[in-house]
Amino acid sequence: MSVVNAAVVVMVMMMVVMGARAQMTLQHHHHGQQVFYPKPCTENRLHKLYFNQSGYVQYTHYVAKIPSLSAFTMHFWFILRTTHRTATFFNYGLNEEVQNNNLTVQLERGNPQLWRLEINDQLVVRIASPFVKPGIWHHALLSWDSGTGEWCVFLNGYLIGAGVNPKSQGLYVPGGGVAVSGQHQNTLHNGEDVGEGLEGWMTLFQFTYRPLIYPTSPKTASLVASLIERCTKDLGGDILSWRITPRKGYGGIIEVPGSEKCGYF
């Protein structure tokens, strides 16, 4: 091999290495916050978040423009460390001090545990849940449609409740606010946990403006089952996508690579 050809090979190898490095997830640490920028491709390695709510409140902020919504479906995987506290999986508000309850999804502590959905401070769903055992992965899906008032809740692929809330007909979630997971934003301005923070793991949060129609149909049951069986497929992430939407972590949350094995992240 000539000296010129050898030099060309070396340059190509250096460009490949630099390109690979450029594709890695970037992490910046500034004033106690961690900023994670996932690569915009389906091959991006799966990550999971760990919250322990010790010290300052812990949550992740989705860096995205949220549109006005008249319907939505969200689904995600999680592990609880304890059942002695309420877990806030999603909270969206126009601001953290006044309008911080435009869309909230929580699993309330108690016997039984209760799935709770609020929109614009109005209770839309509060339904008993099968026991969510700590220490193992669970999959949850919630959907709502303003046009009909219909809602549904699935846990681990099984429909645990569906119905119509007439008072929710005509509601809409205003756009332009802040979306977080791990805490309710009513705690963020003073930094004090009031027992509503998620304590455990979370991954693959997906959020779409499309409602899940006909929740009791076999076709819908098959669709939800596919989310359990093929959980690494990025379904329903046109508003927030776990692999693509940048996140800012606060309070010392931990983000680590996860396994692509469904239910054993």
Protein backbone atom coordinates (compact mmCIF):
# COMPACT_ATOMS: atom_id res chain seq x y z
CA MET A 1 0.00 0.00 0.00
CA SER A 2 1.40 3.40 -0.95
CA VAL A 3 1.96 6.15 1.62
CA VAL A 4 -0.86 8.19 0.01
CA ASN A 5 -3.34 5.30 0.16
CA ALA A 6 -2.41 4.57 3.78
CA ALA A 7 -3.04 8.20 4.70
CA VAL A 8 -6.46 8.09 3.05
CA VAL A 9 -7.40 4.94 5.02
CA VAL A 10 -6.35 6.58 8.29
CA MET A 11 -8.41 9.70 7.51
CA VAL A 12 -11.50 7.61 6.71
CA MET A 13 -11.15 5.66 9.96
CA MET A 14 -10.87 8.90 11.94
CA MET A 15 -14.00 10.29 10.29
CA VAL A 16 -15.95 7.13 11.16
CA VAL A 17 -14.89 7.33 14.80
CA MET A 18 -15.74 11.04 15.01
CA GLY A 19 -19.13 10.39 13.42
CA ALA A 20 -19.88 7.63 15.91
CA ARG A 21 -18.98 9.91 18.78
CA ALA A 22 -21.21 12.64 17.40
CA GLN A 23 -24.15 10.19 17.46
CA MET A 24 -23.72 9.40 21.14
CA THR A 25 -26.24 10.78 23.63
CA LEU A 26 -25.04 14.14 24.92
CA GLN A 27 -25.22 14.90 28.62
CA HIS A 28 -24.68 18.37 30.08
CA HIS A 29 -24.63 19.14 33.79
CA HIS A 30 -25.52 22.71 34.69
CA HIS A 31 -26.86 24.09 37.97
CA GLY A 32 -28.09 20.70 39.18
CA GLN A 33 -29.93 19.71 36.00
CA GLN A 34 -29.01 16.98 33.56
CA VAL A 35 -29.93 17.41 29.91
CA PHE A 36 -30.28 14.28 27.81
CA TYR A 37 -30.53 14.54 24.03
CA PRO A 38 -31.50 11.14 22.57
CA LYS A 39 -30.51 10.49 18.97
CA PRO A 40 -33.42 10.90 16.52
CA CYS A 41 -33.42 7.34 15.22
CA THR A 42 -35.12 4.09 16.15
CA GLU A 43 -31.75 2.46 16.74
CA ASN A 44 -31.09 4.77 19.70
CA ARG A 45 -30.32 2.67 22.73
CA LEU A 46 -33.12 2.42 25.26
CA HIS A 47 -32.64 4.33 28.52
CA LYS A 48 -34.52 4.20 31.81
CA LEU A 49 -34.88 6.72 34.65
CA TYR A 50 -34.55 6.09 38.37
CA PHE A 51 -36.24 8.34 40.95
CA ASN A 52 -35.69 8.01 44.71
CA GLN A 53 -37.14 11.41 45.79
CA SER A 54 -34.47 11.82 48.45
CA GLY A 55 -33.45 15.36 49.25
CA TYR A 56 -34.71 17.71 46.53
CA VAL A 57 -37.73 16.68 44.44
CA GLN A 58 -36.81 14.58 41.41
CA TYR A 59 -38.48 14.80 38.03
CA THR A 60 -37.76 14.87 34.31
CA HIS A 61 -38.89 17.70 32.04
CA TYR A 62 -39.75 16.89 28.42
CA VAL A 63 -38.25 19.59 26.21
CA ALA A 64 -41.00 19.86 23.63
CA LYS A 65 -43.75 22.17 22.44
CA ILE A 66 -47.06 20.72 23.61
CA PRO A 67 -50.02 21.54 21.35
CA SER A 68 -53.61 22.06 22.48
CA LEU A 69 -55.25 18.67 22.89
CA SER A 70 -58.82 17.47 22.66
CA ALA A 71 -57.78 13.81 22.96
CA PHE A 72 -54.73 11.75 23.85
CA THR A 73 -53.30 8.32 24.56
CA MET A 74 -50.24 7.77 26.72
CA HIS A 75 -48.50 4.57 27.70
CA PHE A 76 -45.35 3.76 29.66
CA TRP A 77 -43.45 1.16 31.68
CA PHE A 78 -42.62 1.59 35.37
CA ILE A 79 -41.43 -0.06 38.58
CA LEU A 80 -42.56 1.08 42.03
CA ARG A 81 -40.16 0.82 44.95
CA THR A 82 -42.98 1.24 47.43
CA THR A 83 -46.77 1.43 47.57
CA HIS A 84 -46.73 3.83 50.52
CA ARG A 85 -46.84 6.95 48.37
CA THR A 86 -48.76 8.30 45.38
CA ALA A 87 -46.83 8.09 42.09
CA THR A 88 -47.08 10.93 39.58
CA PHE A 89 -46.31 9.54 36.15
CA PHE A 90 -47.24 12.63 34.17
CA ASN A 91 -48.08 16.23 34.98
CA TYR A 92 -48.61 19.06 32.53
CA GLY A 93 -49.37 22.68 33.30
CA LEU A 94 -49.15 26.18 31.87
CA ASN A 95 -47.04 27.21 34.87
CA GLU A 96 -45.87 25.51 38.04
CA GLU A 97 -47.44 27.86 40.58
CA VAL A 98 -50.97 28.60 39.33
CA GLN A 99 -52.10 26.39 36.44
CA ASN A 100 -50.17 23.20 37.11
CA ASN A 101 -52.94 20.64 36.73
CA ASN A 102 -53.95 20.82 33.08
CA LEU A 103 -53.23 17.09 32.66
CA THR A 104 -52.21 14.80 35.49
CA VAL A 105 -51.93 11.01 35.69
CA GLN A 106 -51.25 9.41 39.06
CA LEU A 107 -51.50 6.08 40.83
CA GLU A 108 -52.87 6.95 44.26
CA ARG A 109 -51.71 5.07 47.32
CA GLY A 110 -54.28 3.12 49.29
CA ASN A 111 -56.15 -0.13 49.43
CA PRO A 112 -57.08 -0.39 46.65
CA GLN A 113 -54.69 1.73 44.66
CA LEU A 114 -56.45 4.15 42.33
CA TRP A 115 -55.63 5.38 38.85
CA ARG A 116 -56.43 9.09 38.65
CA LEU A 117 -56.73 11.37 35.62
CA GLU A 118 -57.35 15.11 35.97
CA ILE A 119 -57.78 17.63 33.18
CA ASN A 120 -57.82 21.36 33.95
CA ASP A 121 -58.32 20.59 37.66
CA GLN A 122 -61.36 18.46 36.86
CA LEU A 123 -61.45 14.83 37.91
CA VAL A 124 -62.09 12.72 34.80
CA VAL A 125 -61.13 9.23 35.99
CA ARG A 126 -60.60 7.70 39.42
CA ILE A 127 -60.74 3.93 39.21
CA ALA A 128 -59.56 1.06 41.40
CA SER A 129 -56.46 -0.72 40.17
CA PRO A 130 -55.37 -4.33 40.54
CA PHE A 131 -52.52 -4.40 43.02
CA VAL A 132 -49.37 -2.95 41.47
CA LYS A 133 -46.65 -5.09 42.98
CA PRO A 134 -43.39 -3.24 43.76
CA GLY A 135 -40.12 -4.39 42.29
CA ILE A 136 -41.31 -5.56 38.87
CA TRP A 137 -42.06 -3.84 35.58
CA HIS A 138 -45.64 -2.87 34.76
CA HIS A 139 -47.16 -1.31 31.64
CA ALA A 140 -49.93 1.30 31.85
CA LEU A 141 -52.02 2.93 29.13
CA LEU A 142 -54.58 5.72 29.52
CA SER A 143 -56.69 7.37 26.85
CA TRP A 144 -59.34 10.11 26.70
CA ASP A 145 -61.45 11.81 24.02
CA SER A 146 -63.06 15.21 24.58
CA GLY A 147 -65.53 14.76 21.73
CA THR A 148 -67.25 11.80 23.36
CA GLY A 149 -66.02 12.01 26.96
CA GLU A 150 -64.78 8.43 26.61
CA TRP A 151 -61.81 7.19 28.62
CA CYS A 152 -60.06 3.89 29.27
CA VAL A 153 -57.27 2.51 31.45
CA PHE A 154 -55.19 -0.60 30.75
CA LEU A 155 -52.69 -2.24 33.09
CA ASN A 156 -50.27 -4.89 31.85
CA GLY A 157 -52.33 -5.34 28.71
CA TYR A 158 -55.66 -5.81 30.47
CA LEU A 159 -58.54 -3.35 30.41
CA ILE A 160 -59.30 -2.36 34.01
CA GLY A 161 -61.87 0.30 33.22
CA ALA A 162 -63.60 2.23 30.43
CA GLY A 163 -66.50 4.62 30.36
CA VAL A 164 -67.84 8.06 29.55
CA ASN A 165 -67.49 11.15 31.70
CA PRO A 166 -70.01 13.66 30.30
CA LYS A 167 -68.42 16.49 32.30
CA SER A 168 -65.21 16.02 30.32
CA GLN A 169 -66.90 16.51 26.96
CA GLY A 170 -65.74 19.72 25.34
CA LEU A 171 -62.67 20.09 27.55
CA TYR A 172 -59.33 20.73 25.94
CA VAL A 173 -55.80 20.78 27.26
CA PRO A 174 -54.23 24.17 26.46
CA GLY A 175 -50.95 24.16 24.59
CA GLY A 176 -47.65 25.81 25.38
CA GLY A 177 -47.08 24.46 28.90
CA VAL A 178 -44.51 22.31 30.68
CA ALA A 179 -44.69 18.50 30.77
CA VAL A 180 -42.89 16.45 33.43
CA SER A 181 -42.77 12.94 34.85
CA GLY A 182 -41.89 11.99 38.42
CA GLN A 183 -43.51 14.82 40.36
CA HIS A 184 -46.53 17.10 40.42
CA GLN A 185 -45.49 20.64 39.49
CA ASN A 186 -47.16 22.07 42.57
CA THR A 187 -44.03 20.93 44.43
CA LEU A 188 -41.44 22.41 42.08
CA HIS A 189 -41.38 26.05 43.20
CA ASN A 190 -40.51 25.18 46.82
CA GLY A 191 -38.67 21.90 46.24
CA GLU A 192 -40.60 19.98 48.91
CA ASP A 193 -41.91 16.50 48.19
CA VAL A 194 -45.46 16.09 49.47
CA GLY A 195 -45.70 12.36 48.89
CA GLU A 196 -46.74 12.49 45.22
CA GLY A 197 -43.36 11.78 43.64
CA LEU A 198 -42.64 8.60 41.71
CA GLU A 199 -40.21 6.40 43.62
CA GLY A 200 -38.89 3.79 41.23
CA TRP A 201 -38.09 3.34 37.54
CA MET A 202 -39.71 4.59 34.35
CA THR A 203 -39.09 4.06 30.62
CA LEU A 204 -40.68 4.18 27.16
CA PHE A 205 -43.17 6.98 27.86
CA GLN A 206 -45.10 7.63 24.65
CA PHE A 207 -47.72 10.36 24.13
CA THR A 208 -49.99 10.84 21.12
CA TYR A 209 -52.94 13.10 20.28
CA ARG A 210 -54.94 10.11 19.03
CA PRO A 211 -57.54 8.55 21.35
CA LEU A 212 -57.87 4.80 21.69
CA ILE A 213 -61.33 4.06 20.29
CA TYR A 214 -63.47 1.02 21.04
CA PRO A 215 -61.46 -0.02 24.13
CA THR A 216 -63.53 -3.17 24.69
CA SER A 217 -63.11 -4.50 21.15
CA PRO A 218 -60.89 -7.51 20.31
CA LYS A 219 -58.95 -5.32 17.84
CA THR A 220 -58.04 -2.84 20.57
CA ALA A 221 -57.15 -5.65 22.96
CA SER A 222 -54.78 -7.01 20.32
CA LEU A 223 -53.22 -3.58 19.79
CA VAL A 224 -52.55 -3.08 23.49
CA ALA A 225 -51.20 -6.61 23.79
CA SER A 226 -48.73 -5.79 21.01
CA LEU A 227 -47.38 -2.92 23.10
CA ILE A 228 -46.58 -5.43 25.83
CA GLU A 229 -45.05 -7.99 23.50
CA ARG A 230 -43.13 -5.54 21.28
CA CYS A 231 -42.48 -2.81 23.81
CA THR A 232 -39.37 -1.47 22.10
CA LYS A 233 -41.46 -0.35 19.12
CA ASP A 234 -41.99 3.42 19.33
CA LEU A 235 -45.77 3.51 18.97
CA GLY A 236 -47.69 6.70 19.63
CA GLY A 237 -44.86 9.17 20.10
CA ASP A 238 -45.98 12.04 17.88
CA ILE A 239 -46.20 14.49 20.82
CA LEU A 240 -43.60 12.98 23.16
CA SER A 241 -41.33 10.11 22.19
CA TRP A 242 -39.06 8.48 24.76
CA ARG A 243 -36.22 7.89 22.31
CA ILE A 244 -36.43 11.19 20.44
CA THR A 245 -37.78 13.94 22.74
CA PRO A 246 -34.97 15.60 24.77
CA ARG A 247 -35.33 15.45 28.56
CA LYS A 248 -33.94 17.53 31.43
CA GLY A 249 -33.47 15.71 34.71
CA TYR A 250 -33.68 17.56 38.05
CA GLY A 251 -32.91 16.68 41.64
CA GLY A 252 -30.37 13.98 40.95
CA ILE A 253 -32.41 11.47 38.95
CA ILE A 254 -30.36 8.72 37.35
CA GLU A 255 -30.57 7.84 33.65
CA VAL A 256 -28.90 4.61 32.60
CA PRO A 257 -28.97 2.32 29.56
CA GLY A 258 -31.69 -0.31 29.71
CA SER A 259 -32.11 -3.74 28.20
CA GLU A 260 -34.19 -4.07 25.05
CA LYS A 261 -35.80 -7.19 26.54
CA CYS A 262 -39.48 -6.46 27.02
CA GLY A 263 -40.50 -6.26 30.68
CA TYR A 264 -36.89 -6.73 31.86
CA PHE A 265 -35.46 -3.33 31.08
